Structure formats: structure tokens, C-alpha cells
Amino acid sequence: MTDQSFSLEDLITDLMYLRKSEGFTITRARNASTLLDVMGGAGQTFDELKTRFVSAICSLEDEQSVTALLIAYGLEPGYEEIDSIYERRKKYGKTIGRKYDTLADREQTAIEELAVRMLMAQWVNAPLPANVPVIHGALITESLDVVSVIKDRTMTETRETQKFIALVDGIDAYDYSINELSEVKPIEGCTIESYPIHHGMKNVLRFPQPLKRGQVHTISFIELSPEKGNNGRKAVAIEIARPFPIPTFKYNLEIVFEGQKPKTIWSYKMLTLLERPGRVEERRLLAFKDGEDSIKVSFSHLHAGLFTGVAWEW
């Protein structure tokens, strides 16, 4: 399986595309790149892909949705040789007494539910091990974009934009803790409540309204570092790292160095707290481009509470 990131929107686009013309055929399935990655990669036979796809559809709880999708994709017995989505819907509509538009709306709702289920990789015959992280909890992070500023070897600010996918109804907040008394200010998609805790702060980022299952929601905020650290002195920054208890498909990190630049800088992925920042021989060395003061790096498929980030030596 490739190491590309997943997008709920891209997956839904693939699922809608596969309904057209002949439906789920070998040629059309091979062109649905996001769907292929979610289902285990292109290295499978078509029969394996087809079996896995049917299993995902049949995992839906609503029987009418299952039937509607199997027919839409030309996978239901008696519909395999019909090479038009219009004709498949027309035949099915006559059978159940429903109009074309009604069936199209039913398919749309079912596809949105199917996409969330496929991202969760929780259906019989789902790919194991999967490049889709095992899901625990109520959210997936579709993308996380972070820009951190290091000035004169100390952290000054971090800007974050996170795009969540809700896995259940009713999620109204996301919280995280930091080990210093930073000030966090909302920019978009949330309000923030902050509470002092032992050696740091707990920040609750509250959404404008509870999310619905399958809903994509974006928040952004800025975290301003205090003038002094917990011991009265501001610590020298030597890494930007975080654990990923919420499965995350894509993490884009930019670190801007104002003033002194590190002598050596490297990235690491999916290490335990005690393993980070990695052994010298495992370092993925990074370098500044000519005339630039920032380092940019991207990571995919992070989960299990393990640490990923960038470290350096002054």
C-alpha cells in the first residue's frame, strides 16, 4: 500500500465515480486511487478487491442502503451486465416502486456512510495490517498543519489548523494538554477554555455545535509561549514533537528559525517517549534550502499515541 494520505472528500469522489457506466469493473476500480489505498492497495487481484468492496458495503446497517449500492455498482445478481447507472436504477425502481431521483438520493446518503466506515477499516475482510490507522475514539484527524517559530533558540509561537472527521454523533469539543503556561487563542472553528493543571495547562477547544457522524470540521488556533518557563527561565528548544492518540492521515510541519539555525536537524516518526528523538543512524537528516529560514516536512498515517516530529542540535 502506498504512503499517501487519505481524504474523506477524495474517497467519496471515488465512490461516486464508480457508480457510473459499467459500475465496479477492473479498469474503473484501478483508476480509483484513494479507494484502492483504503482497501489495501493495488497489489491485489480484482476478485480480492471486489470481495473486499462488497464486504464493506454489506457492513452497512440499513439493508435498503446495501441493496441500493450493490445495484448502483452493478454488483447485485441480475444487474451485472447493465452498463448504465440510469438503466440499473430504472430496473430497480420498477421493482420497489421508487423514482430515479429517490434512488440517487438514497445512494448519496449510503455512500457518505460507507466512506466513513471504510476509513475506520472496521468491517469483515478489511485490510489487515492496514495503512489506515486502527480507530479508537470519536475522531479521525484528516490533516494537521503546524507552523512553529523558533527565535534565538526559544519557542515563540505555534499556529495549528486541524481538519477532523467525526466518527459518532454529538462530539462538541477536543482537548489537549501542554507542559507550560502557554496562551492559546482561537482563530477559526472553535472557542477555547484553558485550565491550569500540574506543570502545565489543559485546553478545551469547543466546536460551535456538536458534530454529526461523517462531518468534516476545521479548527485553527495560535499558541503563544510564555516569556519565562516553569522554572523562571525559558528553555532552549531542541525539538517539535507530539504523540498521536487520535489517528491522523496527514501531518505537515513547518519550523521557522529566526536568528541562529541548528547545526544538525532531522525528523523521526512513530517513536515511544523514551525512544525519541531516535538513534543517530536512524536520523532522516533535513537541510535548509538556499536563502530560506524554515524546514518543512510531511508525515502520513500516525496513530497509537507514538511520537513524531523534528529535532535538532545547536
C-alpha atoms as a PDB file:
ATOM      1  CA  MET A   1       0.000   0.000   0.000  1.00  0.00           C
ATOM      2  CA  THR A   2       1.266   3.467  -0.785  1.00  0.00           C
ATOM      3  CA  ASP A   3       2.095   6.016   1.872  1.00  0.00           C
ATOM      4  CA  GLN A   4      -0.321   8.674   0.614  1.00  0.00           C
ATOM      5  CA  SER A   5      -2.749  10.439   2.880  1.00  0.00           C
ATOM      6  CA  PHE A   6      -6.481   9.839   2.783  1.00  0.00           C
ATOM      7  CA  SER A   7      -9.203  12.416   2.313  1.00  0.00           C
ATOM      8  CA  LEU A   8     -12.844  11.737   3.059  1.00  0.00           C
ATOM      9  CA  GLU A   9     -13.781  14.004   0.155  1.00  0.00           C
ATOM     10  CA  ASP A  10     -11.491  12.113  -2.258  1.00  0.00           C
ATOM     11  CA  LEU A  11     -12.875   8.774  -1.107  1.00  0.00           C
ATOM     12  CA  ILE A  12     -16.463   9.926  -1.618  1.00  0.00           C
ATOM     13  CA  THR A  13     -15.500  11.202  -5.084  1.00  0.00           C
ATOM     14  CA  ASP A  14     -14.111   7.756  -5.973  1.00  0.00           C
ATOM     15  CA  LEU A  15     -17.215   6.002  -4.657  1.00  0.00           C
ATOM     16  CA  MET A  16     -19.471   8.267  -6.704  1.00  0.00           C
ATOM     17  CA  TYR A  17     -17.326   7.815  -9.817  1.00  0.00           C
ATOM     18  CA  LEU A  18     -17.527   4.012  -9.595  1.00  0.00           C
ATOM     19  CA  ARG A  19     -21.335   4.057  -9.907  1.00  0.00           C
ATOM     20  CA  LYS A  20     -21.223   5.369 -13.463  1.00  0.00           C
ATOM     21  CA  SER A  21     -21.218   3.425 -16.750  1.00  0.00           C
ATOM     22  CA  GLU A  22     -20.478  -0.267 -16.113  1.00  0.00           C
ATOM     23  CA  GLY A  23     -20.013   0.242 -12.376  1.00  0.00           C
ATOM     24  CA  PHE A  24     -17.369  -1.601 -10.364  1.00  0.00           C
ATOM     25  CA  THR A  25     -15.135  -3.090 -13.073  1.00  0.00           C
ATOM     26  CA  ILE A  26     -11.431  -3.873 -13.033  1.00  0.00           C
ATOM     27  CA  THR A  27     -10.498  -0.858 -15.171  1.00  0.00           C
ATOM     28  CA  ARG A  28     -12.607   1.620 -13.236  1.00  0.00           C
ATOM     29  CA  ALA A  29     -11.549   0.255  -9.844  1.00  0.00           C
ATOM     30  CA  ARG A  30      -7.857   0.611 -10.781  1.00  0.00           C
ATOM     31  CA  ASN A  31      -8.470   4.304 -11.520  1.00  0.00           C
ATOM     32  CA  ALA A  32      -9.961   4.969  -8.057  1.00  0.00           C
ATOM     33  CA  SER A  33      -6.644   5.566  -6.262  1.00  0.00           C
ATOM     34  CA  THR A  34      -7.984   6.640  -2.868  1.00  0.00           C
ATOM     35  CA  LEU A  35     -10.400   3.714  -2.737  1.00  0.00           C
ATOM     36  CA  LEU A  36      -7.580   1.317  -3.663  1.00  0.00           C
ATOM     37  CA  ASP A  37      -5.419   2.593  -0.802  1.00  0.00           C
ATOM     38  CA  VAL A  38      -8.235   2.281   1.722  1.00  0.00           C
ATOM     39  CA  MET A  39      -8.920  -1.286   0.560  1.00  0.00           C
ATOM     40  CA  GLY A  40      -5.339  -2.480   0.872  1.00  0.00           C
ATOM     41  CA  GLY A  41      -3.505  -1.281  -2.228  1.00  0.00           C
ATOM     42  CA  ALA A  42      -3.258  -2.069  -5.929  1.00  0.00           C
ATOM     43  CA  GLY A  43      -1.286  -5.292  -5.454  1.00  0.00           C
ATOM     44  CA  GLN A  44      -4.434  -7.399  -5.083  1.00  0.00           C
ATOM     45  CA  THR A  45      -6.341  -9.337  -7.713  1.00  0.00           C
ATOM     46  CA  PHE A  46      -9.597  -7.855  -8.941  1.00  0.00           C
ATOM     47  CA  ASP A  47     -11.531 -10.683  -7.273  1.00  0.00           C
ATOM     48  CA  GLU A  48      -9.925  -9.794  -3.940  1.00  0.00           C
ATOM     49  CA  LEU A  49     -10.790  -6.107  -4.387  1.00  0.00           C
ATOM     50  CA  LYS A  50     -14.338  -6.954  -5.418  1.00  0.00           C
ATOM     51  CA  THR A  51     -14.870  -9.268  -2.450  1.00  0.00           C
ATOM     52  CA  ARG A  52     -13.473  -6.679  -0.061  1.00  0.00           C
ATOM     53  CA  PHE A  53     -15.622  -3.910  -1.561  1.00  0.00           C
ATOM     54  CA  VAL A  54     -18.806  -5.984  -1.328  1.00  0.00           C
ATOM     55  CA  SER A  55     -17.951  -6.811   2.288  1.00  0.00           C
ATOM     56  CA  ALA A  56     -17.623  -3.095   3.107  1.00  0.00           C
ATOM     57  CA  ILE A  57     -20.999  -2.340   1.508  1.00  0.00           C
ATOM     58  CA  CYS A  58     -22.677  -5.244   3.306  1.00  0.00           C
ATOM     59  CA  SER A  59     -21.369  -3.942   6.640  1.00  0.00           C
ATOM     60  CA  LEU A  60     -23.844  -1.043   6.455  1.00  0.00           C
ATOM     61  CA  GLU A  61     -26.690  -1.412   8.929  1.00  0.00           C
ATOM     62  CA  ASP A  62     -29.502  -0.302   6.610  1.00  0.00           C
ATOM     63  CA  GLU A  63     -30.499  -3.155   4.264  1.00  0.00           C
ATOM     64  CA  GLN A  64     -32.034  -0.796   1.693  1.00  0.00           C
ATOM     65  CA  SER A  65     -28.750   1.123   1.513  1.00  0.00           C
ATOM     66  CA  VAL A  66     -26.843  -2.123   0.966  1.00  0.00           C
ATOM     67  CA  THR A  67     -29.130  -3.181  -1.875  1.00  0.00           C
ATOM     68  CA  ALA A  68     -29.134   0.273  -3.470  1.00  0.00           C
ATOM     69  CA  LEU A  69     -25.316   0.396  -3.550  1.00  0.00           C
ATOM     70  CA  LEU A  70     -24.837  -3.162  -4.821  1.00  0.00           C
ATOM     71  CA  ILE A  71     -27.197  -2.327  -7.691  1.00  0.00           C
ATOM     72  CA  ALA A  72     -25.613   1.071  -8.333  1.00  0.00           C
ATOM     73  CA  TYR A  73     -22.177  -0.552  -8.679  1.00  0.00           C
ATOM     74  CA  GLY A  74     -23.511  -3.411 -10.827  1.00  0.00           C
ATOM     75  CA  LEU A  75     -22.674  -5.995  -8.163  1.00  0.00           C
ATOM     76  CA  GLU A  76     -26.186  -7.324  -7.487  1.00  0.00           C
ATOM     77  CA  PRO A  77     -27.156 -10.541  -9.344  1.00  0.00           C
ATOM     78  CA  GLY A  78     -29.221  -9.622 -12.392  1.00  0.00           C
ATOM     79  CA  TYR A  79     -27.605  -6.191 -12.748  1.00  0.00           C
ATOM     80  CA  GLU A  80     -24.008  -7.125 -13.669  1.00  0.00           C
ATOM     81  CA  GLU A  81     -24.488  -6.828 -17.431  1.00  0.00           C
ATOM     82  CA  ILE A  82     -26.301  -3.467 -17.379  1.00  0.00           C
ATOM     83  CA  ASP A  83     -23.706  -0.878 -18.433  1.00  0.00           C
ATOM     84  CA  SER A  84     -25.617   2.271 -17.403  1.00  0.00           C
ATOM     85  CA  ILE A  85     -26.354   3.594 -13.925  1.00  0.00           C
ATOM     86  CA  TYR A  86     -29.580   5.050 -15.315  1.00  0.00           C
ATOM     87  CA  GLU A  87     -30.771   1.650 -16.556  1.00  0.00           C
ATOM     88  CA  ARG A  88     -29.783  -0.068 -13.294  1.00  0.00           C
ATOM     89  CA  ARG A  89     -31.750   2.485 -11.280  1.00  0.00           C
ATOM     90  CA  LYS A  90     -34.665   2.269 -13.695  1.00  0.00           C
ATOM     91  CA  LYS A  91     -34.888  -1.523 -13.318  1.00  0.00           C
ATOM     92  CA  TYR A  92     -34.555  -1.361  -9.520  1.00  0.00           C
ATOM     93  CA  GLY A  93     -37.088   1.489  -9.301  1.00  0.00           C
ATOM     94  CA  LYS A  94     -39.719  -0.569 -11.092  1.00  0.00           C
ATOM     95  CA  THR A  95     -39.127  -3.421  -8.653  1.00  0.00           C
ATOM     96  CA  ILE A  96     -39.681  -1.318  -5.500  1.00  0.00           C
ATOM     97  CA  GLY A  97     -41.906   1.454  -6.877  1.00  0.00           C
ATOM     98  CA  ARG A  98     -39.419   4.294  -6.458  1.00  0.00           C
ATOM     99  CA  LYS A  99     -38.362   7.090  -8.823  1.00  0.00           C
ATOM    100  CA  TYR A 100     -34.879   7.606 -10.267  1.00  0.00           C
ATOM    101  CA  ASP A 101     -34.169  10.707  -8.137  1.00  0.00           C
ATOM    102  CA  THR A 102     -35.247   8.928  -4.957  1.00  0.00           C
ATOM    103  CA  LEU A 103     -32.762   6.127  -5.612  1.00  0.00           C
ATOM    104  CA  ALA A 104     -29.967   8.613  -6.394  1.00  0.00           C
ATOM    105  CA  ASP A 105     -30.563  10.394  -3.072  1.00  0.00           C
ATOM    106  CA  ARG A 106     -30.539   7.074  -1.223  1.00  0.00           C
ATOM    107  CA  GLU A 107     -27.227   6.159  -2.847  1.00  0.00           C
ATOM    108  CA  GLN A 108     -25.679   9.500  -1.877  1.00  0.00           C
ATOM    109  CA  THR A 109     -26.561   9.050   1.790  1.00  0.00           C
ATOM    110  CA  ALA A 110     -25.328   5.459   1.743  1.00  0.00           C
ATOM    111  CA  ILE A 111     -22.034   6.442   0.070  1.00  0.00           C
ATOM    112  CA  GLU A 112     -21.309   9.049   2.742  1.00  0.00           C
ATOM    113  CA  GLU A 113     -21.840   6.425   5.458  1.00  0.00           C
ATOM    114  CA  LEU A 114     -19.792   3.848   3.525  1.00  0.00           C
ATOM    115  CA  ALA A 115     -16.852   6.263   3.210  1.00  0.00           C
ATOM    116  CA  VAL A 116     -16.675   6.809   6.970  1.00  0.00           C
ATOM    117  CA  ARG A 117     -16.895   3.069   7.620  1.00  0.00           C
ATOM    118  CA  MET A 118     -14.128   2.356   5.111  1.00  0.00           C
ATOM    119  CA  LEU A 119     -11.827   4.957   6.689  1.00  0.00           C
ATOM    120  CA  MET A 120     -12.362   3.236  10.039  1.00  0.00           C
ATOM    121  CA  ALA A 121     -11.224  -0.090   8.499  1.00  0.00           C
ATOM    122  CA  GLN A 122     -13.775  -1.856  10.691  1.00  0.00           C
ATOM    123  CA  TRP A 123     -15.643  -4.312   8.510  1.00  0.00           C
ATOM    124  CA  VAL A 124     -15.298  -8.004   7.781  1.00  0.00           C
ATOM    125  CA  ASN A 125     -12.406  -8.503   5.320  1.00  0.00           C
ATOM    126  CA  ALA A 126     -10.971  -5.029   5.914  1.00  0.00           C
ATOM    127  CA  PRO A 127      -7.233  -4.901   5.071  1.00  0.00           C
ATOM    128  CA  LEU A 128      -5.028  -6.045   7.960  1.00  0.00           C
ATOM    129  CA  PRO A 129      -2.491  -4.773   8.610  1.00  0.00           C
ATOM    130  CA  ALA A 130      -3.904  -1.591   7.116  1.00  0.00           C
ATOM    131  CA  ASN A 131      -2.250   1.668   6.231  1.00  0.00           C
ATOM    132  CA  VAL A 132      -5.444   3.097   7.647  1.00  0.00           C
ATOM    133  CA  PRO A 133      -4.784   3.512  11.393  1.00  0.00           C
ATOM    134  CA  VAL A 134      -6.860   1.420  13.770  1.00  0.00           C
ATOM    135  CA  ILE A 135      -9.515   3.756  15.112  1.00  0.00           C
ATOM    136  CA  HIS A 136     -10.193   4.235  18.818  1.00  0.00           C
ATOM    137  CA  GLY A 137     -12.422   7.097  19.880  1.00  0.00           C
ATOM    138  CA  ALA A 138     -14.700   9.584  18.236  1.00  0.00           C
ATOM    139  CA  LEU A 139     -12.475  11.472  15.773  1.00  0.00           C
ATOM    140  CA  ILE A 140     -10.007  10.984  12.942  1.00  0.00           C
ATOM    141  CA  THR A 141      -7.676  13.815  12.007  1.00  0.00           C
ATOM    142  CA  GLU A 142      -7.751  14.061   8.231  1.00  0.00           C
ATOM    143  CA  SER A 143      -4.990  16.690   8.211  1.00  0.00           C
ATOM    144  CA  LEU A 144      -2.893  18.629  10.712  1.00  0.00           C
ATOM    145  CA  ASP A 145      -0.900  21.688   9.591  1.00  0.00           C
ATOM    146  CA  VAL A 146       1.518  23.261  12.073  1.00  0.00           C
ATOM    147  CA  VAL A 147       3.836  26.274  11.782  1.00  0.00           C
ATOM    148  CA  SER A 148       6.178  26.846  14.747  1.00  0.00           C
ATOM    149  CA  VAL A 149       8.510  29.822  15.194  1.00  0.00           C
ATOM    150  CA  ILE A 150      11.853  29.465  16.994  1.00  0.00           C
ATOM    151  CA  LYS A 151      13.511  32.812  17.760  1.00  0.00           C
ATOM    152  CA  ASP A 152      17.010  32.977  19.253  1.00  0.00           C
ATOM    153  CA  ARG A 153      16.792  29.248  20.139  1.00  0.00           C
ATOM    154  CA  THR A 154      13.492  29.532  22.054  1.00  0.00           C
ATOM    155  CA  MET A 155       9.899  28.837  21.043  1.00  0.00           C
ATOM    156  CA  THR A 156       7.725  31.913  20.493  1.00  0.00           C
ATOM    157  CA  GLU A 157       4.530  30.702  18.815  1.00  0.00           C
ATOM    158  CA  THR A 158       2.805  27.832  17.051  1.00  0.00           C
ATOM    159  CA  ARG A 159      -0.117  28.051  14.621  1.00  0.00           C
ATOM    160  CA  GLU A 160      -2.239  24.964  14.021  1.00  0.00           C
ATOM    161  CA  THR A 161      -5.013  24.014  11.634  1.00  0.00           C
ATOM    162  CA  GLN A 162      -6.723  20.661  12.181  1.00  0.00           C
ATOM    163  CA  LYS A 163      -9.361  19.029   9.996  1.00  0.00           C
ATOM    164  CA  PHE A 164     -11.378  16.387  11.864  1.00  0.00           C
ATOM    165  CA  ILE A 165     -13.772  13.686  10.675  1.00  0.00           C
ATOM    166  CA  ALA A 166     -16.421  12.784  13.257  1.00  0.00           C
ATOM    167  CA  LEU A 167     -16.984   9.049  13.765  1.00  0.00           C
ATOM    168  CA  VAL A 168     -20.013   9.429  16.037  1.00  0.00           C
ATOM    169  CA  ASP A 169     -22.755  11.983  16.585  1.00  0.00           C
ATOM    170  CA  GLY A 170     -22.560  14.644  19.279  1.00  0.00           C
ATOM    171  CA  ILE A 171     -18.844  15.474  19.591  1.00  0.00           C
ATOM    172  CA  ASP A 172     -18.662  19.046  20.849  1.00  0.00           C
ATOM    173  CA  ALA A 173     -15.018  19.577  21.827  1.00  0.00           C
ATOM    174  CA  TYR A 174     -11.411  18.477  21.520  1.00  0.00           C
ATOM    175  CA  ASP A 175      -8.892  18.903  24.329  1.00  0.00           C
ATOM    176  CA  TYR A 176      -5.142  18.655  24.768  1.00  0.00           C
ATOM    177  CA  SER A 177      -2.594  19.472  27.463  1.00  0.00           C
ATOM    178  CA  ILE A 178       0.749  21.288  27.283  1.00  0.00           C
ATOM    179  CA  ASN A 179       3.525  21.334  29.846  1.00  0.00           C
ATOM    180  CA  GLU A 180       3.905  25.092  30.170  1.00  0.00           C
ATOM    181  CA  LEU A 181       1.622  28.080  30.736  1.00  0.00           C
ATOM    182  CA  SER A 182       1.207  28.991  27.064  1.00  0.00           C
ATOM    183  CA  GLU A 183      -1.647  31.220  25.933  1.00  0.00           C
ATOM    184  CA  VAL A 184      -3.910  29.658  23.298  1.00  0.00           C
ATOM    185  CA  LYS A 185      -6.140  31.863  21.130  1.00  0.00           C
ATOM    186  CA  PRO A 186      -8.784  30.629  18.677  1.00  0.00           C
ATOM    187  CA  ILE A 187      -8.687  31.653  15.013  1.00  0.00           C
ATOM    188  CA  GLU A 188     -11.415  29.597  13.336  1.00  0.00           C
ATOM    189  CA  GLY A 189     -13.984  26.916  14.137  1.00  0.00           C
ATOM    190  CA  CYS A 190     -13.723  26.828  17.939  1.00  0.00           C
ATOM    191  CA  THR A 191     -13.689  28.652  21.232  1.00  0.00           C
ATOM    192  CA  ILE A 192     -11.073  27.823  23.856  1.00  0.00           C
ATOM    193  CA  GLU A 193     -11.302  27.207  27.598  1.00  0.00           C
ATOM    194  CA  SER A 194      -7.985  26.870  29.453  1.00  0.00           C
ATOM    195  CA  TYR A 195      -7.365  25.413  32.916  1.00  0.00           C
ATOM    196  CA  PRO A 196      -4.102  25.211  34.906  1.00  0.00           C
ATOM    197  CA  ILE A 197      -3.013  21.654  35.683  1.00  0.00           C
ATOM    198  CA  HIS A 198       0.101  20.191  37.307  1.00  0.00           C
ATOM    199  CA  HIS A 199       3.119  21.585  35.387  1.00  0.00           C
ATOM    200  CA  GLY A 200       1.030  22.990  32.550  1.00  0.00           C
ATOM    201  CA  MET A 201      -2.338  23.823  31.007  1.00  0.00           C
ATOM    202  CA  LYS A 202      -5.340  21.904  29.740  1.00  0.00           C
ATOM    203  CA  ASN A 203      -7.045  23.498  26.738  1.00  0.00           C
ATOM    204  CA  VAL A 204     -10.575  22.576  25.662  1.00  0.00           C
ATOM    205  CA  LEU A 205     -11.321  23.592  22.072  1.00  0.00           C
ATOM    206  CA  ARG A 206     -15.115  23.716  21.826  1.00  0.00           C
ATOM    207  CA  PHE A 207     -16.896  23.494  18.469  1.00  0.00           C
ATOM    208  CA  PRO A 208     -19.739  25.924  17.572  1.00  0.00           C
ATOM    209  CA  GLN A 209     -22.182  22.998  17.602  1.00  0.00           C
ATOM    210  CA  PRO A 210     -21.931  19.231  18.107  1.00  0.00           C
ATOM    211  CA  LEU A 211     -20.622  17.367  15.061  1.00  0.00           C
ATOM    212  CA  LYS A 212     -22.563  14.693  13.210  1.00  0.00           C
ATOM    213  CA  ARG A 213     -21.112  11.348  12.152  1.00  0.00           C
ATOM    214  CA  GLY A 214     -19.154  11.786   8.923  1.00  0.00           C
ATOM    215  CA  GLN A 215     -18.992  15.568   9.270  1.00  0.00           C
ATOM    216  CA  VAL A 216     -15.673  17.245   8.475  1.00  0.00           C
ATOM    217  CA  HIS A 217     -14.827  20.208  10.713  1.00  0.00           C
ATOM    218  CA  THR A 218     -11.799  22.524  10.650  1.00  0.00           C
ATOM    219  CA  ILE A 219     -10.364  24.431  13.586  1.00  0.00           C
ATOM    220  CA  SER A 220      -7.335  26.681  13.838  1.00  0.00           C
ATOM    221  CA  PHE A 221      -5.627  28.428  16.735  1.00  0.00           C
ATOM    222  CA  ILE A 222      -2.380  30.045  17.826  1.00  0.00           C
ATOM    223  CA  GLU A 223      -0.334  29.047  20.866  1.00  0.00           C
ATOM    224  CA  LEU A 224       1.886  31.783  22.309  1.00  0.00           C
ATOM    225  CA  SER A 225       4.767  30.684  24.513  1.00  0.00           C
ATOM    226  CA  PRO A 226       5.269  32.451  27.862  1.00  0.00           C
ATOM    227  CA  GLU A 227       8.133  34.863  28.399  1.00  0.00           C
ATOM    228  CA  LYS A 228       9.535  32.536  31.055  1.00  0.00           C
ATOM    229  CA  GLY A 229       9.294  28.799  31.635  1.00  0.00           C
ATOM    230  CA  ASN A 230       8.086  26.945  34.723  1.00  0.00           C
ATOM    231  CA  ASN A 231      11.473  27.369  36.433  1.00  0.00           C
ATOM    232  CA  GLY A 232      11.646  31.095  35.680  1.00  0.00           C
ATOM    233  CA  ARG A 233      13.836  30.620  32.603  1.00  0.00           C
ATOM    234  CA  LYS A 234      12.771  29.912  29.059  1.00  0.00           C
ATOM    235  CA  ALA A 235      14.077  26.556  27.852  1.00  0.00           C
ATOM    236  CA  VAL A 236      16.201  26.187  24.734  1.00  0.00           C
ATOM    237  CA  ALA A 237      14.094  24.486  22.064  1.00  0.00           C
ATOM    238  CA  ILE A 238      15.544  21.234  20.742  1.00  0.00           C
ATOM    239  CA  GLU A 239      12.554  19.608  19.030  1.00  0.00           C
ATOM    240  CA  ILE A 240       8.950  19.942  17.880  1.00  0.00           C
ATOM    241  CA  ALA A 241       7.165  16.668  18.596  1.00  0.00           C
ATOM    242  CA  ARG A 242       3.810  15.266  19.643  1.00  0.00           C
ATOM    243  CA  PRO A 243       2.096  11.959  20.251  1.00  0.00           C
ATOM    244  CA  PHE A 244      -0.847  10.911  18.093  1.00  0.00           C
ATOM    245  CA  PRO A 245      -3.567   9.252  20.212  1.00  0.00           C
ATOM    246  CA  ILE A 246      -6.077  10.384  17.551  1.00  0.00           C
ATOM    247  CA  PRO A 247      -5.286   8.636  14.238  1.00  0.00           C
ATOM    248  CA  THR A 248      -4.005  11.195  11.759  1.00  0.00           C
ATOM    249  CA  PHE A 249      -3.735  10.731   8.000  1.00  0.00           C
ATOM    250  CA  LYS A 250      -1.507  13.710   7.205  1.00  0.00           C
ATOM    251  CA  TYR A 251       0.763  15.923   9.371  1.00  0.00           C
ATOM    252  CA  ASN A 252       2.500  18.898   7.721  1.00  0.00           C
ATOM    253  CA  LEU A 253       5.062  20.659   9.907  1.00  0.00           C
ATOM    254  CA  GLU A 254       6.970  23.862   9.187  1.00  0.00           C
ATOM    255  CA  ILE A 255       9.549  25.235  11.623  1.00  0.00           C
ATOM    256  CA  VAL A 256      10.768  28.813  11.133  1.00  0.00           C
ATOM    257  CA  PHE A 257      14.136  29.701  12.703  1.00  0.00           C
ATOM    258  CA  GLU A 258      14.666  33.399  13.372  1.00  0.00           C
ATOM    259  CA  GLY A 259      18.267  34.132  14.243  1.00  0.00           C
ATOM    260  CA  GLN A 260      20.538  31.158  14.874  1.00  0.00           C
ATOM    261  CA  LYS A 261      19.966  27.981  12.859  1.00  0.00           C
ATOM    262  CA  PRO A 262      20.684  24.457  14.138  1.00  0.00           C
ATOM    263  CA  LYS A 263      23.896  22.697  13.105  1.00  0.00           C
ATOM    264  CA  THR A 264      22.056  19.406  12.544  1.00  0.00           C
ATOM    265  CA  ILE A 265      18.348  18.793  12.078  1.00  0.00           C
ATOM    266  CA  TRP A 266      16.419  15.576  11.491  1.00  0.00           C
ATOM    267  CA  SER A 267      12.927  14.089  11.553  1.00  0.00           C
ATOM    268  CA  TYR A 268      11.557  10.924  13.138  1.00  0.00           C
ATOM    269  CA  LYS A 269       8.272   9.059  13.037  1.00  0.00           C
ATOM    270  CA  MET A 270       6.283   6.825  15.402  1.00  0.00           C
ATOM    271  CA  LEU A 271       8.709   6.518  18.342  1.00  0.00           C
ATOM    272  CA  THR A 272       7.914   5.956  22.000  1.00  0.00           C
ATOM    273  CA  LEU A 273       8.528   8.690  24.571  1.00  0.00           C
ATOM    274  CA  LEU A 274      11.861   7.141  25.596  1.00  0.00           C
ATOM    275  CA  GLU A 275      12.995   6.346  22.039  1.00  0.00           C
ATOM    276  CA  ARG A 276      12.631   9.868  20.698  1.00  0.00           C
ATOM    277  CA  PRO A 277      14.394  11.677  19.090  1.00  0.00           C
ATOM    278  CA  GLY A 278      15.872   8.488  17.604  1.00  0.00           C
ATOM    279  CA  ARG A 279      19.332   6.974  17.232  1.00  0.00           C
ATOM    280  CA  VAL A 280      21.935   8.789  15.135  1.00  0.00           C
ATOM    281  CA  GLU A 281      21.995   6.046  12.486  1.00  0.00           C
ATOM    282  CA  GLU A 282      18.198   6.268  12.094  1.00  0.00           C
ATOM    283  CA  ARG A 283      18.070  10.014  11.562  1.00  0.00           C
ATOM    284  CA  ARG A 284      16.404  11.375   8.454  1.00  0.00           C
ATOM    285  CA  LEU A 285      18.605  14.418   8.021  1.00  0.00           C
ATOM    286  CA  LEU A 286      16.993  17.637   6.828  1.00  0.00           C
ATOM    287  CA  ALA A 287      18.593  20.723   5.287  1.00  0.00           C
ATOM    288  CA  PHE A 288      17.673  24.353   4.718  1.00  0.00           C
ATOM    289  CA  LYS A 289      17.172  25.399   1.121  1.00  0.00           C
ATOM    290  CA  ASP A 290      19.297  28.290  -0.067  1.00  0.00           C
ATOM    291  CA  GLY A 291      18.005  31.608   1.236  1.00  0.00           C
ATOM    292  CA  GLU A 292      15.298  30.013   3.426  1.00  0.00           C
ATOM    293  CA  ASP A 293      14.959  30.030   7.208  1.00  0.00           C
ATOM    294  CA  SER A 294      12.404  27.272   7.561  1.00  0.00           C
ATOM    295  CA  ILE A 295      12.250  23.488   7.464  1.00  0.00           C
ATOM    296  CA  LYS A 296       9.178  21.750   6.026  1.00  0.00           C
ATOM    297  CA  VAL A 297       8.369  18.067   6.423  1.00  0.00           C
ATOM    298  CA  SER A 298       5.260  15.902   5.994  1.00  0.00           C
ATOM    299  CA  PHE A 299       4.244  12.642   7.674  1.00  0.00           C
ATOM    300  CA  SER A 300       1.435  10.188   6.903  1.00  0.00           C
ATOM    301  CA  HIS A 301      -0.590   7.668   8.902  1.00  0.00           C
ATOM    302  CA  LEU A 302       0.181   8.414  12.541  1.00  0.00           C
ATOM    303  CA  HIS A 303      -1.529   6.710  15.476  1.00  0.00           C
ATOM    304  CA  ALA A 304      -1.113   4.605  18.631  1.00  0.00           C
ATOM    305  CA  GLY A 305      -0.002   7.560  20.786  1.00  0.00           C
ATOM    306  CA  LEU A 306       3.545   7.380  19.373  1.00  0.00           C
ATOM    307  CA  PHE A 307       5.703  10.487  18.863  1.00  0.00           C
ATOM    308  CA  THR A 308       6.514  12.082  15.512  1.00  0.00           C
ATOM    309  CA  GLY A 309       8.416  15.271  14.890  1.00  0.00           C
ATOM    310  CA  VAL A 310      11.641  17.131  14.160  1.00  0.00           C
ATOM    311  CA  ALA A 311      14.684  17.512  16.443  1.00  0.00           C
ATOM    312  CA  TRP A 312      17.963  19.390  16.160  1.00  0.00           C
ATOM    313  CA  GLU A 313      21.304  20.258  17.751  1.00  0.00           C
ATOM    314  CA  TRP A 314      22.579  23.827  18.101  1.00  0.00           C
END
